[in-house]
Each structure stands twice: as C-alpha cells, then as structure tokens.
Amino acid sequence: GGSEVIDGFVVTQVRPSGAAERLGLRTGDVILDVNGQVLDGMPTVT
C-alpha cells in the first residue's frame, strides 16, 4: 500500500570508548530487536 514502517534503528555513529562501543555496537549496525521485541518506534525503545 506504499506505507512505511520502522523496522529497526541504524547506528550512524558510535563514540570511541563509549558504552555502545564497549557493548560491541558498530557504525552501520541495524538494531532489529531487543529480547524479541521489534524496535518499531521510540515508545518501544523507551
């Protein structure tokens, strides 16, 4: 139908030595879900 939905979040920048880097995230990663829950918007992330 041409609509768009959020199906994850693209990591665009990781601060060197920051918590995200220590957890193994890299620039370009797409975070798809956490504990099986799809990241479909900021309310879910929060």
All heavy atoms as atom14 arrays in JSON, in Angstrom:
{
  "sequence": "GGSEVIDGFVVTQVRPSGAAERLGLRTGDVILDVNGQVLDGMPTVT",
  "atom14_mask": [
    [1, 1, 1, 1, 0, 0, 0, 0, 0, 0, 0, 0, 0, 0],
    [1, 1, 1, 1, 0, 0, 0, 0, 0, 0, 0, 0, 0, 0],
    [1, 1, 1, 1, 1, 1, 0, 0, 0, 0, 0, 0, 0, 0],
    [1, 1, 1, 1, 1, 1, 1, 1, 1, 0, 0, 0, 0, 0],
    [1, 1, 1, 1, 1, 1, 1, 0, 0, 0, 0, 0, 0, 0],
    [1, 1, 1, 1, 1, 1, 1, 1, 0, 0, 0, 0, 0, 0],
    [1, 1, 1, 1, 1, 1, 1, 1, 0, 0, 0, 0, 0, 0],
    [1, 1, 1, 1, 0, 0, 0, 0, 0, 0, 0, 0, 0, 0],
    [1, 1, 1, 1, 1, 1, 1, 1, 1, 1, 1, 0, 0, 0],
    [1, 1, 1, 1, 1, 1, 1, 0, 0, 0, 0, 0, 0, 0],
    [1, 1, 1, 1, 1, 1, 1, 0, 0, 0, 0, 0, 0, 0],
    [1, 1, 1, 1, 1, 1, 1, 0, 0, 0, 0, 0, 0, 0],
    [1, 1, 1, 1, 1, 1, 1, 1, 1, 0, 0, 0, 0, 0],
    [1, 1, 1, 1, 1, 1, 1, 0, 0, 0, 0, 0, 0, 0],
    [1, 1, 1, 1, 1, 1, 1, 1, 1, 1, 1, 0, 0, 0],
    [1, 1, 1, 1, 1, 1, 1, 0, 0, 0, 0, 0, 0, 0],
    [1, 1, 1, 1, 1, 1, 0, 0, 0, 0, 0, 0, 0, 0],
    [1, 1, 1, 1, 0, 0, 0, 0, 0, 0, 0, 0, 0, 0],
    [1, 1, 1, 1, 1, 0, 0, 0, 0, 0, 0, 0, 0, 0],
    [1, 1, 1, 1, 1, 0, 0, 0, 0, 0, 0, 0, 0, 0],
    [1, 1, 1, 1, 1, 1, 1, 1, 1, 0, 0, 0, 0, 0],
    [1, 1, 1, 1, 1, 1, 1, 1, 1, 1, 1, 0, 0, 0],
    [1, 1, 1, 1, 1, 1, 1, 1, 0, 0, 0, 0, 0, 0],
    [1, 1, 1, 1, 0, 0, 0, 0, 0, 0, 0, 0, 0, 0],
    [1, 1, 1, 1, 1, 1, 1, 1, 0, 0, 0, 0, 0, 0],
    [1, 1, 1, 1, 1, 1, 1, 1, 1, 1, 1, 0, 0, 0],
    [1, 1, 1, 1, 1, 1, 1, 0, 0, 0, 0, 0, 0, 0],
    [1, 1, 1, 1, 0, 0, 0, 0, 0, 0, 0, 0, 0, 0],
    [1, 1, 1, 1, 1, 1, 1, 1, 0, 0, 0, 0, 0, 0],
    [1, 1, 1, 1, 1, 1, 1, 0, 0, 0, 0, 0, 0, 0],
    [1, 1, 1, 1, 1, 1, 1, 1, 0, 0, 0, 0, 0, 0],
    [1, 1, 1, 1, 1, 1, 1, 1, 0, 0, 0, 0, 0, 0],
    [1, 1, 1, 1, 1, 1, 1, 1, 0, 0, 0, 0, 0, 0],
    [1, 1, 1, 1, 1, 1, 1, 0, 0, 0, 0, 0, 0, 0],
    [1, 1, 1, 1, 1, 1, 1, 1, 0, 0, 0, 0, 0, 0],
    [1, 1, 1, 1, 0, 0, 0, 0, 0, 0, 0, 0, 0, 0],
    [1, 1, 1, 1, 1, 1, 1, 1, 1, 0, 0, 0, 0, 0],
    [1, 1, 1, 1, 1, 1, 1, 0, 0, 0, 0, 0, 0, 0],
    [1, 1, 1, 1, 1, 1, 1, 1, 0, 0, 0, 0, 0, 0],
    [1, 1, 1, 1, 1, 1, 1, 1, 0, 0, 0, 0, 0, 0],
    [1, 1, 1, 1, 0, 0, 0, 0, 0, 0, 0, 0, 0, 0],
    [1, 1, 1, 1, 1, 1, 1, 1, 0, 0, 0, 0, 0, 0],
    [1, 1, 1, 1, 1, 1, 1, 0, 0, 0, 0, 0, 0, 0],
    [1, 1, 1, 1, 1, 1, 1, 0, 0, 0, 0, 0, 0, 0],
    [1, 1, 1, 1, 1, 1, 1, 0, 0, 0, 0, 0, 0, 0],
    [1, 1, 1, 1, 1, 1, 1, 0, 0, 0, 0, 0, 0, 0]
  ],
  "atom14_positions": [
    [[0.8, -1.21, 0.0], [0.0, 0.0, 0.0], [0.84, 1.26, 0.0], [0.32, 2.37, 0.0], [0.0, 0.0, 0.0], [0.0, 0.0, 0.0], [0.0, 0.0, 0.0], [0.0, 0.0, 0.0], [0.0, 0.0, 0.0], [0.0, 0.0, 0.0], [0.0, 0.0, 0.0], [0.0, 0.0, 0.0], [0.0, 0.0, 0.0], [0.0, 0.0, 0.0]],
    [[2.16, 1.1, 0.01], [3.05, 2.25, -0.07], [3.39, 2.92, 1.25], [4.15, 3.88, 1.28], [0.0, 0.0, 0.0], [0.0, 0.0, 0.0], [0.0, 0.0, 0.0], [0.0, 0.0, 0.0], [0.0, 0.0, 0.0], [0.0, 0.0, 0.0], [0.0, 0.0, 0.0], [0.0, 0.0, 0.0], [0.0, 0.0, 0.0], [0.0, 0.0, 0.0]],
    [[2.84, 2.42, 2.34], [3.17, 2.98, 3.65], [4.55, 2.51, 4.09], [5.06, 1.5, 3.6], [2.15, 2.55, 4.7], [0.88, 3.01, 4.38], [0.0, 0.0, 0.0], [0.0, 0.0, 0.0], [0.0, 0.0, 0.0], [0.0, 0.0, 0.0], [0.0, 0.0, 0.0], [0.0, 0.0, 0.0], [0.0, 0.0, 0.0], [0.0, 0.0, 0.0]],
    [[5.13, 3.25, 5.02], [6.42, 2.86, 5.57], [6.27, 2.61, 7.06], [5.52, 3.3, 7.75], [7.47, 3.95, 5.34], [7.87, 4.09, 3.9], [9.01, 5.09, 3.73], [9.11, 6.04, 4.53], [9.79, 4.91, 2.8], [0.0, 0.0, 0.0], [0.0, 0.0, 0.0], [0.0, 0.0, 0.0], [0.0, 0.0, 0.0], [0.0, 0.0, 0.0]],
    [[7.0, 1.6, 7.55], [7.04, 1.3, 8.97], [8.5, 1.24, 9.42], [9.39, 0.94, 8.62], [6.33, -0.04, 9.3], [4.86, 0.03, 8.98], [6.98, -1.2, 8.58], [0.0, 0.0, 0.0], [0.0, 0.0, 0.0], [0.0, 0.0, 0.0], [0.0, 0.0, 0.0], [0.0, 0.0, 0.0], [0.0, 0.0, 0.0], [0.0, 0.0, 0.0]],
    [[8.72, 1.52, 10.69], [10.07, 1.4, 11.25], [10.31, -0.07, 11.54], [9.48, -0.74, 12.16], [10.19, 2.23, 12.54], [10.03, 3.72, 12.23], [11.52, 1.97, 13.23], [9.96, 4.61, 13.45], [0.0, 0.0, 0.0], [0.0, 0.0, 0.0], [0.0, 0.0, 0.0], [0.0, 0.0, 0.0], [0.0, 0.0, 0.0], [0.0, 0.0, 0.0]],
    [[11.45, -0.58, 11.08], [11.79, -1.98, 11.35], [13.18, -2.11, 11.94], [13.88, -3.08, 11.72], [11.62, -2.84, 10.1], [12.68, -2.58, 9.05], [13.34, -1.53, 9.11], [12.87, -3.45, 8.18], [0.0, 0.0, 0.0], [0.0, 0.0, 0.0], [0.0, 0.0, 0.0], [0.0, 0.0, 0.0], [0.0, 0.0, 0.0], [0.0, 0.0, 0.0]],
    [[13.57, -1.14, 12.73], [14.87, -1.17, 13.39], [15.5, 0.21, 13.38], [14.9, 1.18, 12.9], [0.0, 0.0, 0.0], [0.0, 0.0, 0.0], [0.0, 0.0, 0.0], [0.0, 0.0, 0.0], [0.0, 0.0, 0.0], [0.0, 0.0, 0.0], [0.0, 0.0, 0.0], [0.0, 0.0, 0.0], [0.0, 0.0, 0.0], [0.0, 0.0, 0.0]],
    [[16.68, 0.29, 13.96], [17.4, 1.55, 14.03], [18.83, 1.35, 13.53], [19.52, 0.43, 13.97], [17.42, 2.09, 15.46], [16.09, 2.69, 15.87], [15.03, 1.88, 16.23], [15.91, 4.05, 15.85], [13.81, 2.42, 16.59], [14.69, 4.61, 16.2], [13.64, 3.79, 16.57], [0.0, 0.0, 0.0], [0.0, 0.0, 0.0], [0.0, 0.0, 0.0]],
    [[19.26, 2.22, 12.61], [20.6, 2.17, 12.04], [21.53, 3.0, 12.92], [21.26, 4.17, 13.18], [20.63, 2.73, 10.61], [22.04, 2.67, 10.04], [19.65, 1.99, 9.71], [0.0, 0.0, 0.0], [0.0, 0.0, 0.0], [0.0, 0.0, 0.0], [0.0, 0.0, 0.0], [0.0, 0.0, 0.0], [0.0, 0.0, 0.0], [0.0, 0.0, 0.0]],
    [[22.6, 2.38, 13.38], [23.6, 3.09, 14.18], [24.44, 3.91, 13.21], [25.12, 3.37, 12.34], [24.48, 2.11, 14.98], [25.55, 2.86, 15.76], [23.62, 1.25, 15.9], [0.0, 0.0, 0.0], [0.0, 0.0, 0.0], [0.0, 0.0, 0.0], [0.0, 0.0, 0.0], [0.0, 0.0, 0.0], [0.0, 0.0, 0.0], [0.0, 0.0, 0.0]],
    [[24.37, 5.23, 13.36], [25.07, 6.12, 12.43], [26.4, 6.61, 12.98], [27.25, 7.07, 12.23], [24.21, 7.34, 12.06], [23.89, 8.05, 13.26], [22.94, 6.9, 11.35], [0.0, 0.0, 0.0], [0.0, 0.0, 0.0], [0.0, 0.0, 0.0], [0.0, 0.0, 0.0], [0.0, 0.0, 0.0], [0.0, 0.0, 0.0], [0.0, 0.0, 0.0]],
    [[26.57, 6.52, 14.29], [27.82, 6.97, 14.9], [27.96, 6.31, 16.26], [27.0, 6.23, 17.02], [27.81, 8.48, 15.05], [29.09, 9.06, 15.59], [29.01, 10.57, 15.71], [27.95, 11.17, 15.61], [30.14, 11.2, 15.92], [0.0, 0.0, 0.0], [0.0, 0.0, 0.0], [0.0, 0.0, 0.0], [0.0, 0.0, 0.0], [0.0, 0.0, 0.0]],
    [[29.16, 5.84, 16.55], [29.48, 5.26, 17.86], [30.65, 6.04, 18.43], [31.69, 6.17, 17.77], [29.86, 3.76, 17.73], [30.29, 3.2, 19.08], [28.69, 2.97, 17.16], [0.0, 0.0, 0.0], [0.0, 0.0, 0.0], [0.0, 0.0, 0.0], [0.0, 0.0, 0.0], [0.0, 0.0, 0.0], [0.0, 0.0, 0.0], [0.0, 0.0, 0.0]],
    [[30.45, 6.58, 19.62], [31.52, 7.35, 20.26], [32.63, 6.41, 20.72], [32.36, 5.41, 21.4], [30.96, 8.13, 21.45], [31.95, 9.16, 21.99], [31.4, 9.96, 23.12], [31.43, 9.09, 24.3], [30.56, 9.11, 25.28], [29.54, 9.92, 25.25], [30.67, 8.29, 26.3], [0.0, 0.0, 0.0], [0.0, 0.0, 0.0], [0.0, 0.0, 0.0]],
    [[33.89, 6.69, 20.33], [35.0, 5.83, 20.76], [35.04, 5.72, 22.29], [34.86, 6.71, 22.99], [36.24, 6.55, 20.23], [35.73, 7.39, 19.09], [34.33, 7.79, 19.49], [0.0, 0.0, 0.0], [0.0, 0.0, 0.0], [0.0, 0.0, 0.0], [0.0, 0.0, 0.0], [0.0, 0.0, 0.0], [0.0, 0.0, 0.0], [0.0, 0.0, 0.0]],
    [[35.23, 4.51, 22.76], [35.33, 4.18, 24.19], [34.03, 4.41, 24.95], [34.02, 4.33, 26.18], [36.46, 4.97, 24.86], [37.68, 4.7, 24.22], [0.0, 0.0, 0.0], [0.0, 0.0, 0.0], [0.0, 0.0, 0.0], [0.0, 0.0, 0.0], [0.0, 0.0, 0.0], [0.0, 0.0, 0.0], [0.0, 0.0, 0.0], [0.0, 0.0, 0.0]],
    [[32.94, 4.66, 24.26], [31.65, 4.85, 24.91], [30.99, 3.52, 25.22], [31.46, 2.45, 24.83], [0.0, 0.0, 0.0], [0.0, 0.0, 0.0], [0.0, 0.0, 0.0], [0.0, 0.0, 0.0], [0.0, 0.0, 0.0], [0.0, 0.0, 0.0], [0.0, 0.0, 0.0], [0.0, 0.0, 0.0], [0.0, 0.0, 0.0], [0.0, 0.0, 0.0]],
    [[29.89, 3.59, 25.95], [29.17, 2.38, 26.36], [28.73, 1.53, 25.17], [28.84, 0.31, 25.21], [27.97, 2.75, 27.22], [0.0, 0.0, 0.0], [0.0, 0.0, 0.0], [0.0, 0.0, 0.0], [0.0, 0.0, 0.0], [0.0, 0.0, 0.0], [0.0, 0.0, 0.0], [0.0, 0.0, 0.0], [0.0, 0.0, 0.0], [0.0, 0.0, 0.0]],
    [[28.25, 2.17, 24.11], [27.79, 1.4, 22.94], [28.95, 0.64, 22.3], [28.79, -0.52, 21.92], [27.14, 2.33, 21.92], [0.0, 0.0, 0.0], [0.0, 0.0, 0.0], [0.0, 0.0, 0.0], [0.0, 0.0, 0.0], [0.0, 0.0, 0.0], [0.0, 0.0, 0.0], [0.0, 0.0, 0.0], [0.0, 0.0, 0.0], [0.0, 0.0, 0.0]],
    [[30.11, 1.27, 22.21], [31.27, 0.57, 21.66], [31.68, -0.58, 22.57], [32.0, -1.68, 22.1], [32.44, 1.53, 21.46], [33.65, 0.84, 20.82], [34.82, 1.77, 20.63], [35.46, 2.12, 21.65], [35.07, 2.13, 19.47], [0.0, 0.0, 0.0], [0.0, 0.0, 0.0], [0.0, 0.0, 0.0], [0.0, 0.0, 0.0], [0.0, 0.0, 0.0]],
    [[31.65, -0.35, 23.87], [32.01, -1.42, 24.81], [31.04, -2.59, 24.72], [31.41, -3.73, 25.0], [32.08, -0.89, 26.24], [33.25, 0.06, 26.47], [33.47, 0.38, 27.94], [32.32, 0.94, 28.62], [32.02, 2.23, 28.69], [32.8, 3.12, 28.11], [30.96, 2.64, 29.35], [0.0, 0.0, 0.0], [0.0, 0.0, 0.0], [0.0, 0.0, 0.0]],
    [[29.8, -2.31, 24.32], [28.82, -3.38, 24.14], [28.93, -4.04, 22.77], [28.19, -4.97, 22.47], [27.41, -2.84, 24.35], [27.07, -2.45, 25.78], [25.68, -1.83, 25.84], [27.16, -3.64, 26.72], [0.0, 0.0, 0.0], [0.0, 0.0, 0.0], [0.0, 0.0, 0.0], [0.0, 0.0, 0.0], [0.0, 0.0, 0.0], [0.0, 0.0, 0.0]],
    [[29.82, -3.55, 21.93], [30.07, -4.19, 20.65], [29.35, -3.6, 19.46], [29.43, -4.13, 18.35], [0.0, 0.0, 0.0], [0.0, 0.0, 0.0], [0.0, 0.0, 0.0], [0.0, 0.0, 0.0], [0.0, 0.0, 0.0], [0.0, 0.0, 0.0], [0.0, 0.0, 0.0], [0.0, 0.0, 0.0], [0.0, 0.0, 0.0], [0.0, 0.0, 0.0]],
    [[28.62, -2.5, 19.64], [27.94, -1.89, 18.5], [28.93, -1.17, 17.61], [29.92, -0.61, 18.08], [26.88, -0.9, 18.98], [25.65, -1.52, 19.62], [24.72, -0.43, 20.13], [24.92, -2.43, 18.65], [0.0, 0.0, 0.0], [0.0, 0.0, 0.0], [0.0, 0.0, 0.0], [0.0, 0.0, 0.0], [0.0, 0.0, 0.0], [0.0, 0.0, 0.0]],
    [[28.63, -1.19, 16.31], [29.48, -0.52, 15.32], [28.62, 0.37, 14.43], [27.44, 0.1, 14.22], [30.17, -1.55, 14.42], [31.07, -2.5, 15.13], [31.66, -3.47, 14.13], [32.38, -4.53, 14.81], [32.82, -5.62, 14.23], [32.6, -5.8, 12.93], [33.46, -6.53, 14.91], [0.0, 0.0, 0.0], [0.0, 0.0, 0.0], [0.0, 0.0, 0.0]],
    [[29.25, 1.4, 13.89], [28.57, 2.25, 12.92], [28.13, 1.37, 11.76], [28.89, 0.54, 11.27], [29.52, 3.36, 12.44], [29.89, 4.16, 13.57], [28.87, 4.23, 11.39], [0.0, 0.0, 0.0], [0.0, 0.0, 0.0], [0.0, 0.0, 0.0], [0.0, 0.0, 0.0], [0.0, 0.0, 0.0], [0.0, 0.0, 0.0], [0.0, 0.0, 0.0]],
    [[26.88, 1.53, 11.34], [26.33, 0.73, 10.26], [25.48, -0.43, 10.74], [24.69, -1.0, 9.96], [0.0, 0.0, 0.0], [0.0, 0.0, 0.0], [0.0, 0.0, 0.0], [0.0, 0.0, 0.0], [0.0, 0.0, 0.0], [0.0, 0.0, 0.0], [0.0, 0.0, 0.0], [0.0, 0.0, 0.0], [0.0, 0.0, 0.0], [0.0, 0.0, 0.0]],
    [[25.61, -0.82, 12.0], [24.75, -1.88, 12.53], [23.3, -1.43, 12.49], [22.99, -0.25, 12.66], [25.1, -2.19, 14.0], [26.38, -3.0, 14.16], [26.94, -3.47, 13.15], [26.82, -3.16, 15.32], [0.0, 0.0, 0.0], [0.0, 0.0, 0.0], [0.0, 0.0, 0.0], [0.0, 0.0, 0.0], [0.0, 0.0, 0.0], [0.0, 0.0, 0.0]],
    [[22.41, -2.38, 12.28], [20.98, -2.11, 12.37], [20.47, -2.94, 13.55], [20.54, -4.16, 13.53], [20.22, -2.52, 11.09], [18.73, -2.22, 11.25], [20.79, -1.8, 9.88], [0.0, 0.0, 0.0], [0.0, 0.0, 0.0], [0.0, 0.0, 0.0], [0.0, 0.0, 0.0], [0.0, 0.0, 0.0], [0.0, 0.0, 0.0], [0.0, 0.0, 0.0]],
    [[19.99, -2.25, 14.58], [19.44, -2.93, 15.74], [17.99, -3.27, 15.39], [17.17, -2.39, 15.18], [19.51, -2.06, 17.0], [20.95, -1.62, 17.24], [18.95, -2.81, 18.2], [21.09, -0.54, 18.3], [0.0, 0.0, 0.0], [0.0, 0.0, 0.0], [0.0, 0.0, 0.0], [0.0, 0.0, 0.0], [0.0, 0.0, 0.0], [0.0, 0.0, 0.0]],
    [[17.71, -4.57, 15.29], [16.4, -5.03, 14.85], [15.44, -5.27, 16.0], [14.27, -4.9, 15.92], [16.54, -6.31, 14.02], [17.38, -6.19, 12.75], [17.6, -7.56, 12.14], [16.73, -5.24, 11.77], [0.0, 0.0, 0.0], [0.0, 0.0, 0.0], [0.0, 0.0, 0.0], [0.0, 0.0, 0.0], [0.0, 0.0, 0.0], [0.0, 0.0, 0.0]],
    [[15.93, -5.94, 17.04], [15.04, -6.2, 18.17], [15.85, -6.39, 19.44], [17.06, -6.61, 19.41], [14.12, -7.4, 17.91], [14.84, -8.73, 17.82], [15.52, -9.13, 18.79], [14.7, -9.41, 16.78], [0.0, 0.0, 0.0], [0.0, 0.0, 0.0], [0.0, 0.0, 0.0], [0.0, 0.0, 0.0], [0.0, 0.0, 0.0], [0.0, 0.0, 0.0]],
    [[15.14, -6.27, 20.56], [15.71, -6.48, 21.88], [14.78, -7.44, 22.61], [13.57, -7.18, 22.7], [15.85, -5.15, 22.66], [16.33, -5.41, 24.08], [16.79, -4.2, 21.94], [0.0, 0.0, 0.0], [0.0, 0.0, 0.0], [0.0, 0.0, 0.0], [0.0, 0.0, 0.0], [0.0, 0.0, 0.0], [0.0, 0.0, 0.0], [0.0, 0.0, 0.0]],
    [[15.33, -8.56, 23.05], [14.53, -9.6, 23.71], [13.32, -10.0, 22.87], [12.23, -10.22, 23.39], [14.1, -9.17, 25.11], [15.27, -9.18, 26.08], [16.32, -9.74, 25.81], [15.09, -8.54, 27.21], [0.0, 0.0, 0.0], [0.0, 0.0, 0.0], [0.0, 0.0, 0.0], [0.0, 0.0, 0.0], [0.0, 0.0, 0.0], [0.0, 0.0, 0.0]],
    [[13.52, -10.05, 21.56], [12.47, -10.49, 20.66], [11.43, -9.43, 20.33], [10.52, -9.69, 19.55], [0.0, 0.0, 0.0], [0.0, 0.0, 0.0], [0.0, 0.0, 0.0], [0.0, 0.0, 0.0], [0.0, 0.0, 0.0], [0.0, 0.0, 0.0], [0.0, 0.0, 0.0], [0.0, 0.0, 0.0], [0.0, 0.0, 0.0], [0.0, 0.0, 0.0]],
    [[11.56, -8.24, 20.9], [10.6, -7.18, 20.63], [11.17, -6.26, 19.56], [12.21, -5.64, 19.74], [10.32, -6.4, 21.91], [9.65, -7.28, 22.96], [9.34, -6.53, 24.22], [8.75, -5.45, 24.17], [9.74, -7.08, 25.35], [0.0, 0.0, 0.0], [0.0, 0.0, 0.0], [0.0, 0.0, 0.0], [0.0, 0.0, 0.0], [0.0, 0.0, 0.0]],
    [[10.49, -6.2, 18.42], [10.92, -5.41, 17.28], [10.97, -3.93, 17.68], [10.06, -3.42, 18.32], [9.97, -5.61, 16.08], [10.35, -4.71, 14.93], [9.99, -7.07, 15.65], [0.0, 0.0, 0.0], [0.0, 0.0, 0.0], [0.0, 0.0, 0.0], [0.0, 0.0, 0.0], [0.0, 0.0, 0.0], [0.0, 0.0, 0.0], [0.0, 0.0, 0.0]],
    [[12.04, -3.26, 17.29], [12.17, -1.83, 17.56], [11.4, -1.08, 16.48], [11.94, -0.74, 15.43], [13.64, -1.42, 17.59], [14.48, -2.1, 18.67], [15.89, -1.53, 18.69], [13.85, -1.98, 20.03], [0.0, 0.0, 0.0], [0.0, 0.0, 0.0], [0.0, 0.0, 0.0], [0.0, 0.0, 0.0], [0.0, 0.0, 0.0], [0.0, 0.0, 0.0]],
    [[10.14, -0.83, 16.76], [9.25, -0.23, 15.77], [8.94, 1.24, 16.04], [8.07, 1.82, 15.42], [7.95, -1.02, 15.68], [7.23, -1.12, 17.02], [7.71, -0.54, 18.02], [6.19, -1.79, 17.07], [0.0, 0.0, 0.0], [0.0, 0.0, 0.0], [0.0, 0.0, 0.0], [0.0, 0.0, 0.0], [0.0, 0.0, 0.0], [0.0, 0.0, 0.0]],
    [[9.67, 1.84, 16.96], [9.47, 3.26, 17.25], [10.05, 3.64, 18.59], [10.45, 2.77, 19.39], [0.0, 0.0, 0.0], [0.0, 0.0, 0.0], [0.0, 0.0, 0.0], [0.0, 0.0, 0.0], [0.0, 0.0, 0.0], [0.0, 0.0, 0.0], [0.0, 0.0, 0.0], [0.0, 0.0, 0.0], [0.0, 0.0, 0.0], [0.0, 0.0, 0.0]],
    [[10.12, 4.93, 18.85], [10.71, 5.42, 20.09], [9.94, 4.98, 21.33], [10.56, 4.71, 22.36], [10.86, 6.94, 20.05], [12.06, 7.4, 19.23], [13.63, 6.56, 19.65], [13.86, 7.09, 21.33], [0.0, 0.0, 0.0], [0.0, 0.0, 0.0], [0.0, 0.0, 0.0], [0.0, 0.0, 0.0], [0.0, 0.0, 0.0], [0.0, 0.0, 0.0]],
    [[8.62, 4.87, 21.32], [7.94, 4.37, 22.52], [8.43, 2.98, 22.93], [8.63, 2.71, 24.11], [6.46, 4.36, 22.13], [6.35, 5.42, 21.07], [7.65, 5.32, 20.3], [0.0, 0.0, 0.0], [0.0, 0.0, 0.0], [0.0, 0.0, 0.0], [0.0, 0.0, 0.0], [0.0, 0.0, 0.0], [0.0, 0.0, 0.0], [0.0, 0.0, 0.0]],
    [[8.66, 2.11, 21.96], [9.17, 0.77, 22.26], [10.58, 0.85, 22.82], [10.91, 0.19, 23.8], [9.15, -0.12, 21.0], [7.82, -0.2, 20.51], [9.68, -1.52, 21.28], [0.0, 0.0, 0.0], [0.0, 0.0, 0.0], [0.0, 0.0, 0.0], [0.0, 0.0, 0.0], [0.0, 0.0, 0.0], [0.0, 0.0, 0.0], [0.0, 0.0, 0.0]],
    [[11.42, 1.67, 22.19], [12.81, 1.82, 22.66], [12.82, 2.34, 24.1], [13.53, 1.8, 24.96], [13.6, 2.76, 21.74], [14.96, 3.1, 22.32], [13.75, 2.14, 20.35], [0.0, 0.0, 0.0], [0.0, 0.0, 0.0], [0.0, 0.0, 0.0], [0.0, 0.0, 0.0], [0.0, 0.0, 0.0], [0.0, 0.0, 0.0], [0.0, 0.0, 0.0]],
    [[12.03, 3.35, 24.38], [11.98, 3.94, 25.72], [11.51, 2.91, 26.75], [12.08, 2.79, 27.82], [11.05, 5.17, 25.73], [11.53, 6.11, 24.76], [11.01, 5.82, 27.08], [0.0, 0.0, 0.0], [0.0, 0.0, 0.0], [0.0, 0.0, 0.0], [0.0, 0.0, 0.0], [0.0, 0.0, 0.0], [0.0, 0.0, 0.0], [0.0, 0.0, 0.0]]
  ]
}
